[in-house]
Amino acid sequence: MRAAAAILAMTLGAGPAAAAPVCPTTFQAFLKKFTDDRTFQFAATAARIDDSHVEDGDPEPVSVKMNLSKNKLVFPIIQSTAEQKRLGLEMEVRDAGSLKPEVKVQKADTDWVVLYKFEKRACWVLVAREDWSL
């Protein structure tokens, strides 16, 4: 009976097995899973991330920087592959082979640009988001 309860707890995400999701071997594979799996996205986001965005200011826009708990974030942080396609968004990966890859998501011919920064730890984790959109 205890064994069945332990298996059920692990399946539902409670218990030791839920602590560390399986990490894909390449950043490209990680990013595919990160964008298309909301549960994995939450697990692969640091407990706190640096978040910055631009707000209208007078006379110039103002950059606002915060350090947010992931529990304060709205998931998905990055739209799924299907949603990106539907919205006409383009994704560019920078330094995929490094320990600190970055992903830029933008909409062509607009000022909509968001940069996501990752770090390789036991697995890659999202550590920062910079929304440059006005």
C-alpha atoms as a PDB file:
ATOM      1  CA  MET A   1       0.000   0.000   0.000  1.00  0.00           C
ATOM      2  CA  ARG A   2       2.815   2.436   0.867  1.00  0.00           C
ATOM      3  CA  ALA A   3       4.529   1.682  -2.442  1.00  0.00           C
ATOM      4  CA  ALA A   4       1.332   2.487  -4.360  1.00  0.00           C
ATOM      5  CA  ALA A   5       0.933   5.767  -2.461  1.00  0.00           C
ATOM      6  CA  ALA A   6       4.554   6.719  -3.195  1.00  0.00           C
ATOM      7  CA  ILE A   7       4.119   5.982  -6.915  1.00  0.00           C
ATOM      8  CA  LEU A   8       0.904   8.021  -6.986  1.00  0.00           C
ATOM      9  CA  ALA A   9       2.588  10.937  -5.208  1.00  0.00           C
ATOM     10  CA  MET A  10       5.482  10.901  -7.687  1.00  0.00           C
ATOM     11  CA  THR A  11       3.092  10.756 -10.632  1.00  0.00           C
ATOM     12  CA  LEU A  12       1.138  13.751  -9.359  1.00  0.00           C
ATOM     13  CA  GLY A  13       4.284  15.787  -8.847  1.00  0.00           C
ATOM     14  CA  ALA A  14       4.649  15.489  -5.092  1.00  0.00           C
ATOM     15  CA  GLY A  15       7.675  13.849  -3.606  1.00  0.00           C
ATOM     16  CA  PRO A  16      11.309  13.391  -4.593  1.00  0.00           C
ATOM     17  CA  ALA A  17      10.787  12.618  -8.280  1.00  0.00           C
ATOM     18  CA  ALA A  18       9.096  15.986  -8.873  1.00  0.00           C
ATOM     19  CA  ALA A  19      12.096  17.993  -7.655  1.00  0.00           C
ATOM     20  CA  ALA A  20      14.291  17.597 -10.730  1.00  0.00           C
ATOM     21  CA  PRO A  21      12.757  17.317 -14.197  1.00  0.00           C
ATOM     22  CA  VAL A  22      14.787  15.426 -16.790  1.00  0.00           C
ATOM     23  CA  CYS A  23      17.074  17.861 -18.588  1.00  0.00           C
ATOM     24  CA  PRO A  24      17.339  17.624 -22.377  1.00  0.00           C
ATOM     25  CA  THR A  25      20.908  17.193 -23.626  1.00  0.00           C
ATOM     26  CA  THR A  26      21.056  20.310 -25.853  1.00  0.00           C
ATOM     27  CA  PHE A  27      19.805  23.837 -25.340  1.00  0.00           C
ATOM     28  CA  GLN A  28      17.726  23.609 -28.535  1.00  0.00           C
ATOM     29  CA  ALA A  29      15.930  20.512 -27.177  1.00  0.00           C
ATOM     30  CA  PHE A  30      15.560  22.223 -23.792  1.00  0.00           C
ATOM     31  CA  LEU A  31      14.071  25.334 -25.442  1.00  0.00           C
ATOM     32  CA  LYS A  32      11.545  23.264 -27.416  1.00  0.00           C
ATOM     33  CA  LYS A  33      10.388  21.585 -24.197  1.00  0.00           C
ATOM     34  CA  PHE A  34      10.479  24.905 -22.291  1.00  0.00           C
ATOM     35  CA  THR A  35       8.264  26.674 -24.831  1.00  0.00           C
ATOM     36  CA  ASP A  36       5.762  23.866 -25.324  1.00  0.00           C
ATOM     37  CA  ASP A  37       5.402  22.436 -21.797  1.00  0.00           C
ATOM     38  CA  ARG A  38       4.052  24.875 -19.195  1.00  0.00           C
ATOM     39  CA  THR A  39       4.835  22.550 -16.266  1.00  0.00           C
ATOM     40  CA  PHE A  40       8.436  22.140 -17.426  1.00  0.00           C
ATOM     41  CA  GLN A  41       8.656  25.913 -17.979  1.00  0.00           C
ATOM     42  CA  PHE A  42       7.704  26.550 -14.356  1.00  0.00           C
ATOM     43  CA  ALA A  43      10.177  23.927 -13.100  1.00  0.00           C
ATOM     44  CA  ALA A  44      12.986  25.346 -15.281  1.00  0.00           C
ATOM     45  CA  THR A  45      12.535  28.927 -14.054  1.00  0.00           C
ATOM     46  CA  ALA A  46      14.780  30.127 -11.231  1.00  0.00           C
ATOM     47  CA  ALA A  47      13.091  30.787  -7.882  1.00  0.00           C
ATOM     48  CA  ARG A  48      13.712  34.505  -8.504  1.00  0.00           C
ATOM     49  CA  ILE A  49      14.369  36.162 -11.861  1.00  0.00           C
ATOM     50  CA  ASP A  50      15.578  39.602 -12.849  1.00  0.00           C
ATOM     51  CA  ASP A  51      12.767  41.243 -14.773  1.00  0.00           C
ATOM     52  CA  SER A  52      12.923  44.528 -16.614  1.00  0.00           C
ATOM     53  CA  HIS A  53      10.517  46.351 -18.868  1.00  0.00           C
ATOM     54  CA  VAL A  54      10.033  49.786 -20.396  1.00  0.00           C
ATOM     55  CA  GLU A  55       7.279  52.142 -19.274  1.00  0.00           C
ATOM     56  CA  ASP A  56       6.140  55.366 -20.849  1.00  0.00           C
ATOM     57  CA  GLY A  57       7.853  58.309 -19.251  1.00  0.00           C
ATOM     58  CA  ASP A  58       7.947  62.021 -19.718  1.00  0.00           C
ATOM     59  CA  PRO A  59       9.866  63.013 -21.754  1.00  0.00           C
ATOM     60  CA  GLU A  60      11.543  59.620 -22.360  1.00  0.00           C
ATOM     61  CA  PRO A  61      10.560  55.985 -21.687  1.00  0.00           C
ATOM     62  CA  VAL A  62      11.829  54.623 -18.355  1.00  0.00           C
ATOM     63  CA  SER A  63      13.423  51.225 -17.723  1.00  0.00           C
ATOM     64  CA  VAL A  64      11.940  49.461 -14.666  1.00  0.00           C
ATOM     65  CA  LYS A  65      13.973  46.659 -13.057  1.00  0.00           C
ATOM     66  CA  MET A  66      12.710  44.189 -10.471  1.00  0.00           C
ATOM     67  CA  ASN A  67      13.703  40.861  -8.960  1.00  0.00           C
ATOM     68  CA  LEU A  68      10.575  38.706  -8.979  1.00  0.00           C
ATOM     69  CA  SER A  69       9.649  35.420  -7.368  1.00  0.00           C
ATOM     70  CA  LYS A  70       8.569  32.917 -10.003  1.00  0.00           C
ATOM     71  CA  ASN A  71       5.315  32.567  -8.068  1.00  0.00           C
ATOM     72  CA  LYS A  72       4.530  36.175  -9.113  1.00  0.00           C
ATOM     73  CA  LEU A  73       5.055  35.425 -12.807  1.00  0.00           C
ATOM     74  CA  VAL A  74       2.334  34.541 -15.288  1.00  0.00           C
ATOM     75  CA  PHE A  75       3.002  31.299 -17.145  1.00  0.00           C
ATOM     76  CA  PRO A  76       3.641  30.593 -19.890  1.00  0.00           C
ATOM     77  CA  ILE A  77       6.484  33.105 -19.877  1.00  0.00           C
ATOM     78  CA  ILE A  78       7.377  32.271 -23.481  1.00  0.00           C
ATOM     79  CA  GLN A  79       4.535  31.470 -25.841  1.00  0.00           C
ATOM     80  CA  SER A  80       4.316  27.944 -27.236  1.00  0.00           C
ATOM     81  CA  THR A  81       5.639  27.249 -30.714  1.00  0.00           C
ATOM     82  CA  ALA A  82       2.084  27.145 -32.072  1.00  0.00           C
ATOM     83  CA  GLU A  83       1.155  30.418 -30.350  1.00  0.00           C
ATOM     84  CA  GLN A  84       4.310  32.117 -31.644  1.00  0.00           C
ATOM     85  CA  LYS A  85       3.401  31.058 -35.164  1.00  0.00           C
ATOM     86  CA  ARG A  86      -0.192  32.250 -34.748  1.00  0.00           C
ATOM     87  CA  LEU A  87       0.988  35.658 -33.463  1.00  0.00           C
ATOM     88  CA  GLY A  88       3.695  36.061 -36.116  1.00  0.00           C
ATOM     89  CA  LEU A  89       6.531  36.019 -33.576  1.00  0.00           C
ATOM     90  CA  GLU A  90      10.125  35.167 -34.460  1.00  0.00           C
ATOM     91  CA  MET A  91      12.529  33.422 -32.077  1.00  0.00           C
ATOM     92  CA  GLU A  92      16.302  33.875 -32.280  1.00  0.00           C
ATOM     93  CA  VAL A  93      18.696  31.854 -30.107  1.00  0.00           C
ATOM     94  CA  ARG A  94      22.029  33.413 -29.187  1.00  0.00           C
ATOM     95  CA  ASP A  95      24.986  31.434 -27.808  1.00  0.00           C
ATOM     96  CA  ALA A  96      23.101  28.115 -27.698  1.00  0.00           C
ATOM     97  CA  GLY A  97      26.337  26.252 -26.929  1.00  0.00           C
ATOM     98  CA  SER A  98      27.328  28.484 -24.022  1.00  0.00           C
ATOM     99  CA  LEU A  99      26.511  28.304 -20.325  1.00  0.00           C
ATOM    100  CA  LYS A 100      24.429  31.503 -20.668  1.00  0.00           C
ATOM    101  CA  PRO A 101      22.306  31.296 -23.807  1.00  0.00           C
ATOM    102  CA  GLU A 102      19.770  33.981 -24.656  1.00  0.00           C
ATOM    103  CA  VAL A 103      16.519  33.834 -26.600  1.00  0.00           C
ATOM    104  CA  LYS A 104      15.052  36.869 -28.335  1.00  0.00           C
ATOM    105  CA  VAL A 105      11.375  36.763 -29.277  1.00  0.00           C
ATOM    106  CA  GLN A 106      10.135  39.573 -31.472  1.00  0.00           C
ATOM    107  CA  LYS A 107       7.409  40.571 -33.860  1.00  0.00           C
ATOM    108  CA  ALA A 108       8.701  41.865 -37.177  1.00  0.00           C
ATOM    109  CA  ASP A 109       8.034  45.515 -38.050  1.00  0.00           C
ATOM    110  CA  THR A 110       6.971  46.355 -34.478  1.00  0.00           C
ATOM    111  CA  ASP A 111       8.707  47.416 -31.279  1.00  0.00           C
ATOM    112  CA  TRP A 112       7.647  44.148 -29.566  1.00  0.00           C
ATOM    113  CA  VAL A 113      10.909  42.517 -28.363  1.00  0.00           C
ATOM    114  CA  VAL A 114      11.528  40.321 -25.309  1.00  0.00           C
ATOM    115  CA  LEU A 115      14.906  38.849 -24.345  1.00  0.00           C
ATOM    116  CA  TYR A 116      15.081  35.750 -22.134  1.00  0.00           C
ATOM    117  CA  LYS A 117      18.347  34.834 -20.384  1.00  0.00           C
ATOM    118  CA  PHE A 118      19.190  31.327 -19.255  1.00  0.00           C
ATOM    119  CA  GLU A 119      22.017  29.795 -17.221  1.00  0.00           C
ATOM    120  CA  LYS A 120      23.256  26.222 -17.281  1.00  0.00           C
ATOM    121  CA  ARG A 121      23.136  24.746 -13.780  1.00  0.00           C
ATOM    122  CA  ALA A 122      22.077  21.108 -13.250  1.00  0.00           C
ATOM    123  CA  CYS A 123      19.886  22.013 -16.236  1.00  0.00           C
ATOM    124  CA  TRP A 124      19.285  25.315 -17.966  1.00  0.00           C
ATOM    125  CA  VAL A 125      17.097  27.724 -16.016  1.00  0.00           C
ATOM    126  CA  LEU A 126      15.480  31.015 -16.929  1.00  0.00           C
ATOM    127  CA  VAL A 127      17.168  33.711 -14.828  1.00  0.00           C
ATOM    128  CA  ALA A 128      16.091  36.973 -16.490  1.00  0.00           C
ATOM    129  CA  ARG A 129      13.532  38.537 -18.794  1.00  0.00           C
ATOM    130  CA  GLU A 130      13.946  41.906 -20.503  1.00  0.00           C
ATOM    131  CA  ASP A 131      10.865  43.308 -22.223  1.00  0.00           C
ATOM    132  CA  TRP A 132      11.965  46.159 -24.467  1.00  0.00           C
ATOM    133  CA  SER A 133       8.516  46.707 -25.976  1.00  0.00           C
ATOM    134  CA  LEU A 134       6.943  50.129 -25.691  1.00  0.00           C
END
